[in-house]
């Protein structure tokens, strides 16, 4: 009997984490986006287990999820490392943002009642302060946070509420 279907089912189940794995994924993802975890940083399974109070299997599933999203790289017999996008990948991300963000802003502007102006004003102030202090990690973190958590994003097929 072939083991291929079993392997396929296992790979699929590994890409859907439970609540603990998703919590780990969210925390690591946020740390990477805010550049608190620099590219090429080694992520020790043992330390992650200790930090999150979970076993290795949960950490490994979280790392697999992060790897499938391109956030980390899993290297055989070496471990997990924060991904380091090359110039082409970075340009691709900025190009994608330029395609996504202007229509999102236009849609928000057409429905100004849906916008929490205090939240938006506060966000702009934080981003401006980070740029003035030349705090690139904080500035990138603000940009990523805005894109992911836009105030009162319109519900669309791209941005479900």
C-alpha atoms as a PDB file:
ATOM      1  CA  UNK A   1       0.000   0.000   0.000  1.00  0.00           C
ATOM      2  CA  UNK A   2       1.335   3.444  -0.966  1.00  0.00           C
ATOM      3  CA  UNK A   3       2.050   6.017   1.722  1.00  0.00           C
ATOM      4  CA  UNK A   4       1.648   8.994  -0.622  1.00  0.00           C
ATOM      5  CA  UNK A   5      -2.015   9.736   0.260  1.00  0.00           C
ATOM      6  CA  UNK A   6      -1.150   9.618   3.967  1.00  0.00           C
ATOM      7  CA  UNK A   7       1.744  12.012   3.449  1.00  0.00           C
ATOM      8  CA  UNK A   8      -0.538  14.330   1.496  1.00  0.00           C
ATOM      9  CA  UNK A   9      -3.188  14.297   4.227  1.00  0.00           C
ATOM     10  CA  UNK A  10      -0.509  14.916   6.854  1.00  0.00           C
ATOM     11  CA  UNK A  11       0.901  17.899   4.956  1.00  0.00           C
ATOM     12  CA  UNK A  12      -2.595  19.348   4.599  1.00  0.00           C
ATOM     13  CA  UNK A  13      -3.408  18.917   8.281  1.00  0.00           C
ATOM     14  CA  UNK A  14      -0.085  20.509   9.236  1.00  0.00           C
ATOM     15  CA  UNK A  15      -1.080  23.677   7.339  1.00  0.00           C
ATOM     16  CA  UNK A  16      -4.128  24.282   9.529  1.00  0.00           C
ATOM     17  CA  UNK A  17      -3.077  25.013  13.058  1.00  0.00           C
ATOM     18  CA  UNK A  18      -5.090  24.890  16.226  1.00  0.00           C
ATOM     19  CA  UNK A  19      -5.527  27.850  18.569  1.00  0.00           C
ATOM     20  CA  UNK A  20      -2.117  27.430  20.226  1.00  0.00           C
ATOM     21  CA  UNK A  21      -0.287  27.129  16.903  1.00  0.00           C
ATOM     22  CA  UNK A  22      -2.171  30.122  15.500  1.00  0.00           C
ATOM     23  CA  UNK A  23      -1.248  32.187  18.574  1.00  0.00           C
ATOM     24  CA  UNK A  24       2.430  31.306  18.061  1.00  0.00           C
ATOM     25  CA  UNK A  25       2.172  32.113  14.343  1.00  0.00           C
ATOM     26  CA  UNK A  26       0.561  35.499  15.068  1.00  0.00           C
ATOM     27  CA  UNK A  27       3.174  36.456  17.655  1.00  0.00           C
ATOM     28  CA  UNK A  28       6.148  35.469  15.473  1.00  0.00           C
ATOM     29  CA  UNK A  29       4.560  37.065  12.389  1.00  0.00           C
ATOM     30  CA  UNK A  30       4.033  40.329  14.268  1.00  0.00           C
ATOM     31  CA  UNK A  31       7.613  40.290  15.608  1.00  0.00           C
ATOM     32  CA  UNK A  32       8.961  39.769  12.080  1.00  0.00           C
ATOM     33  CA  UNK A  33       6.751  42.500  10.570  1.00  0.00           C
ATOM     34  CA  UNK A  34       7.816  44.941  13.283  1.00  0.00           C
ATOM     35  CA  UNK A  35      11.423  43.858  12.697  1.00  0.00           C
ATOM     36  CA  UNK A  36      11.860  42.766  16.304  1.00  0.00           C
ATOM     37  CA  UNK A  37      13.039  39.495  14.750  1.00  0.00           C
ATOM     38  CA  UNK A  38      15.611  40.366  12.111  1.00  0.00           C
ATOM     39  CA  UNK A  39      16.094  38.434   8.870  1.00  0.00           C
ATOM     40  CA  UNK A  40      18.281  35.343   9.281  1.00  0.00           C
ATOM     41  CA  UNK A  41      17.547  35.122  13.037  1.00  0.00           C
ATOM     42  CA  UNK A  42      17.579  31.493  14.169  1.00  0.00           C
ATOM     43  CA  UNK A  43      14.382  30.395  15.883  1.00  0.00           C
ATOM     44  CA  UNK A  44      15.209  27.745  18.474  1.00  0.00           C
ATOM     45  CA  UNK A  45      12.449  25.169  18.906  1.00  0.00           C
ATOM     46  CA  UNK A  46      13.417  24.644  22.540  1.00  0.00           C
ATOM     47  CA  UNK A  47      13.267  28.363  23.302  1.00  0.00           C
ATOM     48  CA  UNK A  48       9.938  28.747  21.500  1.00  0.00           C
ATOM     49  CA  UNK A  49       8.531  25.811  23.503  1.00  0.00           C
ATOM     50  CA  UNK A  50       9.648  27.505  26.703  1.00  0.00           C
ATOM     51  CA  UNK A  51       8.406  30.945  25.651  1.00  0.00           C
ATOM     52  CA  UNK A  52       4.942  29.749  24.649  1.00  0.00           C
ATOM     53  CA  UNK A  53       4.618  26.921  27.182  1.00  0.00           C
ATOM     54  CA  UNK A  54       3.852  24.281  24.558  1.00  0.00           C
ATOM     55  CA  UNK A  55       5.425  21.085  23.254  1.00  0.00           C
ATOM     56  CA  UNK A  56       7.661  20.662  20.228  1.00  0.00           C
ATOM     57  CA  UNK A  57       4.885  19.384  17.964  1.00  0.00           C
ATOM     58  CA  UNK A  58       2.896  22.610  18.392  1.00  0.00           C
ATOM     59  CA  UNK A  59       6.009  24.708  17.738  1.00  0.00           C
ATOM     60  CA  UNK A  60       6.880  22.625  14.679  1.00  0.00           C
ATOM     61  CA  UNK A  61       3.362  23.045  13.274  1.00  0.00           C
ATOM     62  CA  UNK A  62       3.555  26.811  13.848  1.00  0.00           C
ATOM     63  CA  UNK A  63       6.941  26.918  12.100  1.00  0.00           C
ATOM     64  CA  UNK A  64       5.523  24.918   9.198  1.00  0.00           C
ATOM     65  CA  UNK A  65       2.649  27.414   8.888  1.00  0.00           C
ATOM     66  CA  UNK A  66       5.085  30.340   8.952  1.00  0.00           C
ATOM     67  CA  UNK A  67       7.247  28.618   6.360  1.00  0.00           C
ATOM     68  CA  UNK A  68       4.240  28.097   4.065  1.00  0.00           C
ATOM     69  CA  UNK A  69       3.629  31.872   4.302  1.00  0.00           C
ATOM     70  CA  UNK A  70       7.263  32.679   3.452  1.00  0.00           C
ATOM     71  CA  UNK A  71       7.888  34.292   6.849  1.00  0.00           C
ATOM     72  CA  UNK A  72      10.543  31.810   7.888  1.00  0.00           C
ATOM     73  CA  UNK A  73      12.771  29.316   6.120  1.00  0.00           C
ATOM     74  CA  UNK A  74      13.109  25.754   7.342  1.00  0.00           C
ATOM     75  CA  UNK A  75      16.571  24.346   6.653  1.00  0.00           C
ATOM     76  CA  UNK A  76      17.170  20.601   6.940  1.00  0.00           C
ATOM     77  CA  UNK A  77      19.305  19.689   9.948  1.00  0.00           C
ATOM     78  CA  UNK A  78      19.847  23.394  10.724  1.00  0.00           C
ATOM     79  CA  UNK A  79      16.511  24.688  11.987  1.00  0.00           C
ATOM     80  CA  UNK A  80      14.207  27.613  11.335  1.00  0.00           C
ATOM     81  CA  UNK A  81      15.375  31.088  10.357  1.00  0.00           C
ATOM     82  CA  UNK A  82      13.521  34.326   9.724  1.00  0.00           C
ATOM     83  CA  UNK A  83      13.296  34.714   5.957  1.00  0.00           C
ATOM     84  CA  UNK A  84      15.475  37.275   4.265  1.00  0.00           C
ATOM     85  CA  UNK A  85      13.752  38.544   1.139  1.00  0.00           C
ATOM     86  CA  UNK A  86      16.033  39.507  -1.687  1.00  0.00           C
ATOM     87  CA  UNK A  87      15.656  42.788  -3.568  1.00  0.00           C
ATOM     88  CA  UNK A  88      13.303  41.264  -6.154  1.00  0.00           C
ATOM     89  CA  UNK A  89      10.982  39.868  -3.472  1.00  0.00           C
ATOM     90  CA  UNK A  90      10.969  43.199  -1.597  1.00  0.00           C
ATOM     91  CA  UNK A  91      10.108  45.031  -4.830  1.00  0.00           C
ATOM     92  CA  UNK A  92       7.327  42.516  -5.476  1.00  0.00           C
ATOM     93  CA  UNK A  93       5.845  43.230  -2.035  1.00  0.00           C
ATOM     94  CA  UNK A  94       5.901  46.985  -2.608  1.00  0.00           C
ATOM     95  CA  UNK A  95       4.400  46.535  -6.089  1.00  0.00           C
ATOM     96  CA  UNK A  96       1.604  44.412  -4.594  1.00  0.00           C
ATOM     97  CA  UNK A  97       0.946  47.040  -1.937  1.00  0.00           C
ATOM     98  CA  UNK A  98       0.694  49.698  -4.651  1.00  0.00           C
ATOM     99  CA  UNK A  99      -1.999  47.588  -6.327  1.00  0.00           C
ATOM    100  CA  UNK A 100      -3.953  46.904  -3.135  1.00  0.00           C
ATOM    101  CA  UNK A 101      -3.703  50.056  -1.039  1.00  0.00           C
ATOM    102  CA  UNK A 102      -4.889  52.832  -3.435  1.00  0.00           C
ATOM    103  CA  UNK A 103      -8.242  51.110  -4.179  1.00  0.00           C
ATOM    104  CA  UNK A 104      -8.649  50.435  -0.450  1.00  0.00           C
ATOM    105  CA  UNK A 105      -8.070  54.113   0.381  1.00  0.00           C
ATOM    106  CA  UNK A 106     -10.447  55.196  -2.412  1.00  0.00           C
ATOM    107  CA  UNK A 107     -13.117  52.880  -1.052  1.00  0.00           C
ATOM    108  CA  UNK A 108     -12.619  54.225   2.469  1.00  0.00           C
ATOM    109  CA  UNK A 109     -12.796  57.811   1.178  1.00  0.00           C
ATOM    110  CA  UNK A 110     -16.113  57.091  -0.550  1.00  0.00           C
ATOM    111  CA  UNK A 111     -17.598  55.950   2.776  1.00  0.00           C
ATOM    112  CA  UNK A 112     -16.122  58.410   5.292  1.00  0.00           C
ATOM    113  CA  UNK A 113     -18.722  57.468   7.890  1.00  0.00           C
ATOM    114  CA  UNK A 114     -17.039  54.077   8.123  1.00  0.00           C
ATOM    115  CA  UNK A 115     -13.694  55.599   9.136  1.00  0.00           C
ATOM    116  CA  UNK A 116     -12.622  55.954  12.763  1.00  0.00           C
ATOM    117  CA  UNK A 117     -10.845  59.295  12.327  1.00  0.00           C
ATOM    118  CA  UNK A 118      -9.280  59.251  15.813  1.00  0.00           C
ATOM    119  CA  UNK A 119      -7.722  55.849  15.128  1.00  0.00           C
ATOM    120  CA  UNK A 120      -6.508  56.942  11.688  1.00  0.00           C
ATOM    121  CA  UNK A 121      -5.077  60.225  13.026  1.00  0.00           C
ATOM    122  CA  UNK A 122      -3.277  58.378  15.816  1.00  0.00           C
ATOM    123  CA  UNK A 123      -1.834  55.882  13.325  1.00  0.00           C
ATOM    124  CA  UNK A 124      -0.532  58.648  11.052  1.00  0.00           C
ATOM    125  CA  UNK A 125       1.069  60.400  14.049  1.00  0.00           C
ATOM    126  CA  UNK A 126       2.823  57.175  15.107  1.00  0.00           C
ATOM    127  CA  UNK A 127       4.127  56.566  11.600  1.00  0.00           C
ATOM    128  CA  UNK A 128       5.289  60.192  11.225  1.00  0.00           C
ATOM    129  CA  UNK A 129       7.096  60.029  14.591  1.00  0.00           C
ATOM    130  CA  UNK A 130       8.837  56.798  13.596  1.00  0.00           C
ATOM    131  CA  UNK A 131       9.948  58.329  10.290  1.00  0.00           C
ATOM    132  CA  UNK A 132      11.213  61.511  12.006  1.00  0.00           C
ATOM    133  CA  UNK A 133      13.302  59.422  14.396  1.00  0.00           C
ATOM    134  CA  UNK A 134      14.509  57.363  11.415  1.00  0.00           C
ATOM    135  CA  UNK A 135      13.168  54.295  13.197  1.00  0.00           C
ATOM    136  CA  UNK A 136      12.809  52.096  10.127  1.00  0.00           C
ATOM    137  CA  UNK A 137      11.590  48.979  11.985  1.00  0.00           C
ATOM    138  CA  UNK A 138       8.855  50.973  13.756  1.00  0.00           C
ATOM    139  CA  UNK A 139       7.900  52.721  10.501  1.00  0.00           C
ATOM    140  CA  UNK A 140       7.618  49.396   8.636  1.00  0.00           C
ATOM    141  CA  UNK A 141       5.658  47.986  11.556  1.00  0.00           C
ATOM    142  CA  UNK A 142       3.206  50.886  11.348  1.00  0.00           C
ATOM    143  CA  UNK A 143       2.794  50.390   7.607  1.00  0.00           C
ATOM    144  CA  UNK A 144       2.230  46.649   7.947  1.00  0.00           C
ATOM    145  CA  UNK A 145      -0.182  47.197  10.829  1.00  0.00           C
ATOM    146  CA  UNK A 146      -2.187  49.750   8.831  1.00  0.00           C
ATOM    147  CA  UNK A 147      -2.413  47.474   5.802  1.00  0.00           C
ATOM    148  CA  UNK A 148      -3.567  44.517   7.894  1.00  0.00           C
ATOM    149  CA  UNK A 149      -5.831  46.389  10.298  1.00  0.00           C
ATOM    150  CA  UNK A 150      -7.102  49.387   8.372  1.00  0.00           C
ATOM    151  CA  UNK A 151      -9.660  51.270  10.417  1.00  0.00           C
ATOM    152  CA  UNK A 152     -13.087  50.025   9.453  1.00  0.00           C
ATOM    153  CA  UNK A 153     -11.915  48.358   6.272  1.00  0.00           C
ATOM    154  CA  UNK A 154     -14.734  47.982   3.806  1.00  0.00           C
ATOM    155  CA  UNK A 155     -15.907  44.408   3.607  1.00  0.00           C
ATOM    156  CA  UNK A 156     -15.020  43.058   0.183  1.00  0.00           C
ATOM    157  CA  UNK A 157     -14.030  39.699  -1.197  1.00  0.00           C
ATOM    158  CA  UNK A 158     -10.395  40.773  -0.727  1.00  0.00           C
ATOM    159  CA  UNK A 159     -10.880  42.182   2.770  1.00  0.00           C
ATOM    160  CA  UNK A 160     -13.574  40.185   4.544  1.00  0.00           C
ATOM    161  CA  UNK A 161     -14.751  41.769   7.801  1.00  0.00           C
END
